[in-house]
PDB file of all heavy atoms in Angstrom:
ATOM      1  N   PHE A   1      -0.582 -17.574  15.406  1.00  0.00           N
ATOM      2  CA  PHE A   1      -0.882 -17.966  13.966  1.00  0.00           C
ATOM      3  C   PHE A   1      -2.216 -17.335  13.574  1.00  0.00           C
ATOM      4  O   PHE A   1      -2.270 -16.763  12.447  1.00  0.00           O
ATOM      5  CB  PHE A   1      -1.013 -19.531  13.872  1.00  0.00           C
ATOM      6  CG  PHE A   1      -1.390 -20.014  12.447  1.00  0.00           C
ATOM      7  CD1 PHE A   1      -0.435 -19.810  11.500  1.00  0.00           C
ATOM      8  CD2 PHE A   1      -2.592 -20.517  12.169  1.00  0.00           C
ATOM      9  CE1 PHE A   1      -0.801 -20.226  10.097  1.00  0.00           C
ATOM     10  CE2 PHE A   1      -2.958 -20.908  10.940  1.00  0.00           C
ATOM     11  CZ  PHE A   1      -2.125 -20.764   9.991  1.00  0.00           C
ATOM     12  N   SER A   2      -3.195 -17.296  14.534  1.00  0.00           N
ATOM     13  CA  SER A   2      -4.391 -16.685  14.187  1.00  0.00           C
ATOM     14  C   SER A   2      -4.325 -15.160  13.894  1.00  0.00           C
ATOM     15  O   SER A   2      -4.932 -14.580  13.050  1.00  0.00           O
ATOM     16  CB  SER A   2      -5.429 -16.960  15.287  1.00  0.00           C
ATOM     17  OG  SER A   2      -5.050 -16.288  16.517  1.00  0.00           O
ATOM     18  N   TYR A   3      -3.415 -14.532  14.683  1.00  0.00           N
ATOM     19  CA  TYR A   3      -3.228 -13.126  14.574  1.00  0.00           C
ATOM     20  C   TYR A   3      -2.394 -12.754  13.285  1.00  0.00           C
ATOM     21  O   TYR A   3      -2.469 -11.648  12.799  1.00  0.00           O
ATOM     22  CB  TYR A   3      -2.655 -12.504  15.808  1.00  0.00           C
ATOM     23  CG  TYR A   3      -3.703 -12.053  16.681  1.00  0.00           C
ATOM     24  CD1 TYR A   3      -3.996 -12.912  17.841  1.00  0.00           C
ATOM     25  CD2 TYR A   3      -4.505 -10.891  16.532  1.00  0.00           C
ATOM     26  CE1 TYR A   3      -5.056 -12.525  18.740  1.00  0.00           C
ATOM     27  CE2 TYR A   3      -5.518 -10.485  17.431  1.00  0.00           C
ATOM     28  CZ  TYR A   3      -5.765 -11.335  18.546  1.00  0.00           C
ATOM     29  OH  TYR A   3      -6.703 -11.025  19.319  1.00  0.00           O
ATOM     30  N   VAL A   4      -1.597 -13.726  12.862  1.00  0.00           N
ATOM     31  CA  VAL A   4      -0.874 -13.557  11.512  1.00  0.00           C
ATOM     32  C   VAL A   4      -1.948 -13.473  10.408  1.00  0.00           C
ATOM     33  O   VAL A   4      -1.814 -12.564   9.525  1.00  0.00           O
ATOM     34  CB  VAL A   4       0.132 -14.650  11.368  1.00  0.00           C
ATOM     35  CG1 VAL A   4       0.699 -14.614   9.917  1.00  0.00           C
ATOM     36  CG2 VAL A   4       1.324 -14.480  12.316  1.00  0.00           C
ATOM     37  N   LEU A   5      -2.849 -14.349  10.468  1.00  0.00           N
ATOM     38  CA  LEU A   5      -3.972 -14.488   9.505  1.00  0.00           C
ATOM     39  C   LEU A   5      -4.851 -13.165   9.559  1.00  0.00           C
ATOM     40  O   LEU A   5      -5.182 -12.618   8.584  1.00  0.00           O
ATOM     41  CB  LEU A   5      -4.723 -15.734   9.667  1.00  0.00           C
ATOM     42  CG  LEU A   5      -3.972 -17.020   9.468  1.00  0.00           C
ATOM     43  CD1 LEU A   5      -4.964 -18.155   9.658  1.00  0.00           C
ATOM     44  CD2 LEU A   5      -3.407 -17.095   8.034  1.00  0.00           C
ATOM     45  N   ILE A   6      -5.124 -12.810  10.789  1.00  0.00           N
ATOM     46  CA  ILE A   6      -5.876 -11.564  11.053  1.00  0.00           C
ATOM     47  C   ILE A   6      -5.177 -10.352  10.444  1.00  0.00           C
ATOM     48  O   ILE A   6      -5.739  -9.550   9.776  1.00  0.00           O
ATOM     49  CB  ILE A   6      -6.239 -11.363  12.463  1.00  0.00           C
ATOM     50  CG1 ILE A   6      -7.240 -12.449  12.957  1.00  0.00           C
ATOM     51  CG2 ILE A   6      -6.828 -10.062  12.782  1.00  0.00           C
ATOM     52  CD1 ILE A   6      -7.525 -12.482  14.493  1.00  0.00           C
ATOM     53  N   LEU A   7      -3.905 -10.257  10.775  1.00  0.00           N
ATOM     54  CA  LEU A   7      -3.189  -9.067  10.268  1.00  0.00           C
ATOM     55  C   LEU A   7      -2.975  -9.040   8.831  1.00  0.00           C
ATOM     56  O   LEU A   7      -3.140  -8.048   8.171  1.00  0.00           O
ATOM     57  CB  LEU A   7      -1.737  -9.189  10.870  1.00  0.00           C
ATOM     58  CG  LEU A   7      -0.806  -7.845  10.664  1.00  0.00           C
ATOM     59  CD1 LEU A   7      -1.472  -6.672  11.299  1.00  0.00           C
ATOM     60  CD2 LEU A   7       0.575  -8.117  11.255  1.00  0.00           C
ATOM     61  N   ARG A   8      -2.883 -10.127   8.135  1.00  0.00           N
ATOM     62  CA  ARG A   8      -2.827 -10.235   6.747  1.00  0.00           C
ATOM     63  C   ARG A   8      -4.202  -9.841   6.086  1.00  0.00           C
ATOM     64  O   ARG A   8      -4.223  -9.121   5.256  1.00  0.00           O
ATOM     65  CB  ARG A   8      -2.509 -11.694   6.243  1.00  0.00           C
ATOM     66  CG  ARG A   8      -2.302 -11.816   4.756  1.00  0.00           C
ATOM     67  CD  ARG A   8      -2.006 -13.278   4.440  1.00  0.00           C
ATOM     68  NE  ARG A   8      -3.239 -14.059   4.562  1.00  0.00           N
ATOM     69  CZ  ARG A   8      -3.238 -15.454   4.229  1.00  0.00           C
ATOM     70  NH1 ARG A   8      -2.234 -16.042   3.698  1.00  0.00           N
ATOM     71  NH2 ARG A   8      -4.352 -16.092   4.492  1.00  0.00           N
ATOM     72  N   THR A   9      -5.225 -10.239   6.773  1.00  0.00           N
ATOM     73  CA  THR A   9      -6.625  -9.857   6.254  1.00  0.00           C
ATOM     74  C   THR A   9      -6.828  -8.260   6.441  1.00  0.00           C
ATOM     75  O   THR A   9      -7.340  -7.587   5.546  1.00  0.00           O
ATOM     76  CB  THR A   9      -7.723 -10.633   6.980  1.00  0.00           C
ATOM     77  OG1 THR A   9      -7.532 -11.969   6.871  1.00  0.00           O
ATOM     78  CG2 THR A   9      -9.081 -10.273   6.465  1.00  0.00           C
ATOM     79  N   VAL A  10      -6.356  -7.809   7.620  1.00  0.00           N
ATOM     80  CA  VAL A  10      -6.577  -6.361   7.864  1.00  0.00           C
ATOM     81  C   VAL A  10      -5.697  -5.477   6.921  1.00  0.00           C
ATOM     82  O   VAL A  10      -6.262  -4.517   6.375  1.00  0.00           O
ATOM     83  CB  VAL A  10      -6.167  -6.056   9.338  1.00  0.00           C
ATOM     84  CG1 VAL A  10      -6.122  -4.533   9.581  1.00  0.00           C
ATOM     85  CG2 VAL A  10      -7.177  -6.716  10.345  1.00  0.00           C
ATOM     86  N   LEU A  11      -4.523  -5.896   6.582  1.00  0.00           N
ATOM     87  CA  LEU A  11      -3.647  -5.124   5.744  1.00  0.00           C
ATOM     88  C   LEU A  11      -4.112  -5.191   4.256  1.00  0.00           C
ATOM     89  O   LEU A  11      -3.831  -4.355   3.458  1.00  0.00           O
ATOM     90  CB  LEU A  11      -2.199  -5.628   5.734  1.00  0.00           C
ATOM     91  CG  LEU A  11      -1.540  -5.506   7.117  1.00  0.00           C
ATOM     92  CD1 LEU A  11      -0.112  -6.100   7.030  1.00  0.00           C
ATOM     93  CD2 LEU A  11      -1.405  -3.988   7.467  1.00  0.00           C
ATOM     94  N   SER A  12      -4.990  -6.183   3.914  1.00  0.00           N
ATOM     95  CA  SER A  12      -5.519  -6.321   2.664  1.00  0.00           C
ATOM     96  C   SER A  12      -6.784  -5.330   2.396  1.00  0.00           C
ATOM     97  O   SER A  12      -7.160  -5.180   1.325  1.00  0.00           O
ATOM     98  CB  SER A  12      -5.955  -7.750   2.277  1.00  0.00           C
ATOM     99  OG  SER A  12      -7.024  -8.117   3.143  1.00  0.00           O
ATOM    100  N   LEU A  13      -7.223  -4.799   3.526  1.00  0.00           N
ATOM    101  CA  LEU A  13      -8.340  -3.886   3.444  1.00  0.00           C
ATOM    102  C   LEU A  13      -7.857  -2.472   2.844  1.00  0.00           C
ATOM    103  O   LEU A  13      -6.811  -2.017   3.317  1.00  0.00           O
ATOM    104  CB  LEU A  13      -9.059  -3.666   4.807  1.00  0.00           C
ATOM    105  CG  LEU A  13      -9.654  -4.856   5.522  1.00  0.00           C
ATOM    106  CD1 LEU A  13     -10.129  -4.566   6.926  1.00  0.00           C
ATOM    107  CD2 LEU A  13     -10.753  -5.435   4.633  1.00  0.00           C
ATOM    108  N   VAL A  14      -8.691  -1.940   1.991  1.00  0.00           N
ATOM    109  CA  VAL A  14      -8.208  -0.618   1.381  1.00  0.00           C
ATOM    110  C   VAL A  14      -8.479   0.516   2.242  1.00  0.00           C
ATOM    111  O   VAL A  14      -7.592   1.413   2.428  1.00  0.00           O
ATOM    112  CB  VAL A  14      -8.963  -0.528   0.020  1.00  0.00           C
ATOM    113  CG1 VAL A  14      -8.602   0.817  -0.693  1.00  0.00           C
ATOM    114  CG2 VAL A  14      -8.627  -1.714  -0.893  1.00  0.00           C
ATOM    115  N   ALA A  15      -9.741   0.542   2.828  1.00  0.00           N
ATOM    116  CA  ALA A  15     -10.132   1.684   3.588  1.00  0.00           C
ATOM    117  C   ALA A  15      -9.384   1.702   4.934  1.00  0.00           C
ATOM    118  O   ALA A  15      -9.438   0.721   5.685  1.00  0.00           O
ATOM    119  CB  ALA A  15     -11.503   1.724   3.805  1.00  0.00           C
ATOM    120  N   PRO A  16      -8.721   2.806   5.363  1.00  0.00           N
ATOM    121  CA  PRO A  16      -8.065   2.853   6.644  1.00  0.00           C
ATOM    122  C   PRO A  16      -9.030   2.715   7.808  1.00  0.00           C
ATOM    123  O   PRO A  16      -8.649   2.253   8.935  1.00  0.00           O
ATOM    124  CB  PRO A  16      -7.340   4.260   6.659  1.00  0.00           C
ATOM    125  CG  PRO A  16      -7.301   4.676   5.161  1.00  0.00           C
ATOM    126  CD  PRO A  16      -8.416   3.943   4.521  1.00  0.00           C
ATOM    127  N   LYS A  17     -10.241   3.278   7.658  1.00  0.00           N
ATOM    128  CA  LYS A  17     -11.218   3.240   8.719  1.00  0.00           C
ATOM    129  C   LYS A  17     -11.636   1.760   9.027  1.00  0.00           C
ATOM    130  O   LYS A  17     -11.806   1.410  10.158  1.00  0.00           O
ATOM    131  CB  LYS A  17     -12.459   4.023   8.346  1.00  0.00           C
ATOM    132  CG  LYS A  17     -12.260   5.518   8.450  1.00  0.00           C
ATOM    133  CD  LYS A  17     -13.540   6.359   8.259  1.00  0.00           C
ATOM    134  CE  LYS A  17     -13.280   7.733   8.484  1.00  0.00           C
ATOM    135  NZ  LYS A  17     -14.546   8.573   8.290  1.00  0.00           N
ATOM    136  N   LYS A  18     -11.714   0.928   7.956  1.00  0.00           N
ATOM    137  CA  LYS A  18     -12.028  -0.426   8.133  1.00  0.00           C
ATOM    138  C   LYS A  18     -10.868  -1.190   8.832  1.00  0.00           C
ATOM    139  O   LYS A  18     -11.118  -2.077   9.681  1.00  0.00           O
ATOM    140  CB  LYS A  18     -12.359  -1.064   6.813  1.00  0.00           C
ATOM    141  CG  LYS A  18     -13.686  -0.724   6.245  1.00  0.00           C
ATOM    142  CD  LYS A  18     -13.989  -1.466   4.950  1.00  0.00           C
ATOM    143  CE  LYS A  18     -15.399  -1.138   4.399  1.00  0.00           C
ATOM    144  NZ  LYS A  18     -15.692  -1.839   3.136  1.00  0.00           N
ATOM    145  N   GLN A  19      -9.653  -0.833   8.528  1.00  0.00           N
ATOM    146  CA  GLN A  19      -8.512  -1.506   9.116  1.00  0.00           C
ATOM    147  C   GLN A  19      -8.428  -1.127  10.653  1.00  0.00           C
ATOM    148  O   GLN A  19      -8.218  -1.962  11.464  1.00  0.00           O
ATOM    149  CB  GLN A  19      -7.197  -0.929   8.482  1.00  0.00           C
ATOM    150  CG  GLN A  19      -6.930  -1.420   7.060  1.00  0.00           C
ATOM    151  CD  GLN A  19      -5.605  -0.859   6.515  1.00  0.00           C
ATOM    152  OE1 GLN A  19      -4.975   0.003   7.106  1.00  0.00           O
ATOM    153  NE2 GLN A  19      -5.160  -1.522   5.463  1.00  0.00           N
ATOM    154  N   GLN A  20      -8.728   0.187  10.937  1.00  0.00           N
ATOM    155  CA  GLN A  20      -8.769   0.679  12.339  1.00  0.00           C
ATOM    156  C   GLN A  20      -9.818  -0.033  13.192  1.00  0.00           C
ATOM    157  O   GLN A  20      -9.627  -0.518  14.296  1.00  0.00           O
ATOM    158  CB  GLN A  20      -8.890   2.093  12.442  1.00  0.00           C
ATOM    159  CG  GLN A  20      -8.774   2.603  13.824  1.00  0.00           C
ATOM    160  CD  GLN A  20      -8.891   4.208  13.817  1.00  0.00           C
ATOM    161  OE1 GLN A  20      -9.089   4.739  12.775  1.00  0.00           O
ATOM    162  NE2 GLN A  20      -8.760   4.751  15.045  1.00  0.00           N
ATOM    163  N   LYS A  21     -11.001  -0.206  12.543  1.00  0.00           N
ATOM    164  CA  LYS A  21     -12.149  -0.830  13.238  1.00  0.00           C
ATOM    165  C   LYS A  21     -11.874  -2.326  13.511  1.00  0.00           C
ATOM    166  O   LYS A  21     -12.132  -2.866  14.510  1.00  0.00           O
ATOM    167  CB  LYS A  21     -13.390  -0.677  12.396  1.00  0.00           C
ATOM    168  CG  LYS A  21     -14.597  -1.211  13.043  1.00  0.00           C
ATOM    169  CD  LYS A  21     -15.838  -1.010  12.142  1.00  0.00           C
ATOM    170  CE  LYS A  21     -17.148  -1.694  12.880  1.00  0.00           C
ATOM    171  NZ  LYS A  21     -18.343  -1.427  11.986  1.00  0.00           N
ATOM    172  N   ALA A  22     -11.164  -3.013  12.385  1.00  0.00           N
ATOM    173  CA  ALA A  22     -10.903  -4.444  12.561  1.00  0.00           C
ATOM    174  C   ALA A  22      -9.908  -4.643  13.703  1.00  0.00           C
ATOM    175  O   ALA A  22     -10.026  -5.623  14.457  1.00  0.00           O
ATOM    176  CB  ALA A  22     -10.477  -4.957  11.317  1.00  0.00           C
ATOM    177  N   LEU A  23      -8.900  -3.901  13.667  1.00  0.00           N
ATOM    178  CA  LEU A  23      -7.802  -4.047  14.716  1.00  0.00           C
ATOM    179  C   LEU A  23      -8.313  -3.634  16.094  1.00  0.00           C
ATOM    180  O   LEU A  23      -7.876  -4.168  17.087  1.00  0.00           O
ATOM    181  CB  LEU A  23      -6.578  -3.098  14.409  1.00  0.00           C
ATOM    182  CG  LEU A  23      -5.692  -3.611  13.209  1.00  0.00           C
ATOM    183  CD1 LEU A  23      -4.696  -2.579  12.941  1.00  0.00           C
ATOM    184  CD2 LEU A  23      -5.081  -4.962  13.538  1.00  0.00           C
ATOM    185  N   SER A  24      -9.263  -2.595  16.171  1.00  0.00           N
ATOM    186  CA  SER A  24      -9.768  -2.220  17.500  1.00  0.00           C
ATOM    187  C   SER A  24     -10.548  -3.348  18.283  1.00  0.00           C
ATOM    188  O   SER A  24     -10.451  -3.351  19.412  1.00  0.00           O
ATOM    189  CB  SER A  24     -10.637  -1.035  17.379  1.00  0.00           C
ATOM    190  OG  SER A  24     -11.811  -1.235  16.632  1.00  0.00           O
ATOM    191  N   THR A  25     -11.080  -4.260  17.421  1.00  0.00           N
ATOM    192  CA  THR A  25     -11.820  -5.414  17.968  1.00  0.00           C
ATOM    193  C   THR A  25     -10.883  -6.473  18.691  1.00  0.00           C
ATOM    194  O   THR A  25     -11.302  -7.217  19.460  1.00  0.00           O
ATOM    195  CB  THR A  25     -12.709  -6.118  17.013  1.00  0.00           C
ATOM    196  OG1 THR A  25     -11.948  -6.623  15.902  1.00  0.00           O
ATOM    197  CG2 THR A  25     -13.682  -5.102  16.371  1.00  0.00           C
ATOM    198  N   CYS A  26      -9.620  -6.349  18.213  1.00  0.00           N
ATOM    199  CA  CYS A  26      -8.631  -7.342  18.768  1.00  0.00           C
ATOM    200  C   CYS A  26      -7.743  -6.765  19.899  1.00  0.00           C
ATOM    201  O   CYS A  26      -7.051  -7.532  20.445  1.00  0.00           O
ATOM    202  CB  CYS A  26      -7.755  -7.782  17.560  1.00  0.00           C
ATOM    203  SG  CYS A  26      -8.547  -8.465  16.222  1.00  0.00           S
ATOM    204  N   VAL A  27      -7.873  -5.419  20.168  1.00  0.00           N
ATOM    205  CA  VAL A  27      -6.974  -4.807  21.129  1.00  0.00           C
ATOM    206  C   VAL A  27      -7.171  -5.485  22.538  1.00  0.00           C
ATOM    207  O   VAL A  27      -6.160  -5.905  23.216  1.00  0.00           O
ATOM    208  CB  VAL A  27      -7.187  -3.383  21.234  1.00  0.00           C
ATOM    209  CG1 VAL A  27      -6.478  -2.695  22.449  1.00  0.00           C
ATOM    210  CG2 VAL A  27      -6.763  -2.708  19.910  1.00  0.00           C
ATOM    211  N   CYS A  28      -8.303  -5.628  22.930  1.00  0.00           N
ATOM    212  CA  CYS A  28      -8.684  -6.257  24.242  1.00  0.00           C
ATOM    213  C   CYS A  28      -8.080  -7.632  24.462  1.00  0.00           C
ATOM    214  O   CYS A  28      -7.395  -7.948  25.462  1.00  0.00           O
ATOM    215  CB  CYS A  28     -10.151  -6.305  24.503  1.00  0.00           C
ATOM    216  SG  CYS A  28     -10.952  -4.605  24.620  1.00  0.00           S
ATOM    217  N   HIS A  29      -8.294  -8.379  23.301  1.00  0.00           N
ATOM    218  CA  HIS A  29      -7.695  -9.821  23.446  1.00  0.00           C
ATOM    219  C   HIS A  29      -6.268  -9.818  23.424  1.00  0.00           C
ATOM    220  O   HIS A  29      -5.592 -10.668  24.145  1.00  0.00           O
ATOM    221  CB  HIS A  29      -8.238 -10.634  22.300  1.00  0.00           C
ATOM    222  CG  HIS A  29      -7.857 -12.028  22.367  1.00  0.00           C
ATOM    223  ND1 HIS A  29      -7.032 -12.668  21.420  1.00  0.00           N
ATOM    224  CD2 HIS A  29      -8.254 -13.082  23.177  1.00  0.00           C
ATOM    225  CE1 HIS A  29      -6.823 -13.927  21.717  1.00  0.00           C
ATOM    226  NE2 HIS A  29      -7.611 -14.227  22.770  1.00  0.00           N
ATOM    227  N   ILE A  30      -5.596  -8.978  22.646  1.00  0.00           N
ATOM    228  CA  ILE A  30      -4.090  -8.951  22.603  1.00  0.00           C
ATOM    229  C   ILE A  30      -3.623  -8.602  23.976  1.00  0.00           C
ATOM    230  O   ILE A  30      -2.550  -9.097  24.426  1.00  0.00           O
ATOM    231  CB  ILE A  30      -3.622  -7.975  21.500  1.00  0.00           C
ATOM    232  CG1 ILE A  30      -3.930  -8.399  20.199  1.00  0.00           C
ATOM    233  CG2 ILE A  30      -2.100  -7.633  21.662  1.00  0.00           C
ATOM    234  CD1 ILE A  30      -3.683  -7.393  19.047  1.00  0.00           C
ATOM    235  N   CYS A  31      -4.215  -7.537  24.637  1.00  0.00           N
ATOM    236  CA  CYS A  31      -3.846  -7.052  25.998  1.00  0.00           C
ATOM    237  C   CYS A  31      -3.970  -8.355  27.015  1.00  0.00           C
ATOM    238  O   CYS A  31      -3.135  -8.550  27.850  1.00  0.00           O
ATOM    239  CB  CYS A  31      -4.639  -5.949  26.522  1.00  0.00           C
ATOM    240  SG  CYS A  31      -4.345  -4.368  25.582  1.00  0.00           S
ATOM    241  N   ALA A  32      -5.113  -9.013  26.813  1.00  0.00           N
ATOM    242  CA  ALA A  32      -5.382 -10.185  27.793  1.00  0.00           C
ATOM    243  C   ALA A  32      -4.280 -11.286  27.583  1.00  0.00           C
ATOM    244  O   ALA A  32      -3.791 -11.805  28.576  1.00  0.00           O
ATOM    245  CB  ALA A  32      -6.796 -10.771  27.499  1.00  0.00           C
TER     246      ALA A  32
END
């Protein structure tokens, strides 16, 4: 549920670089 909200927030960002930076902070936790 938290990642659904995170994904919704990330997709609402206009700049692709900001989207990539936001998602990169979650990669480690998703792998764990």
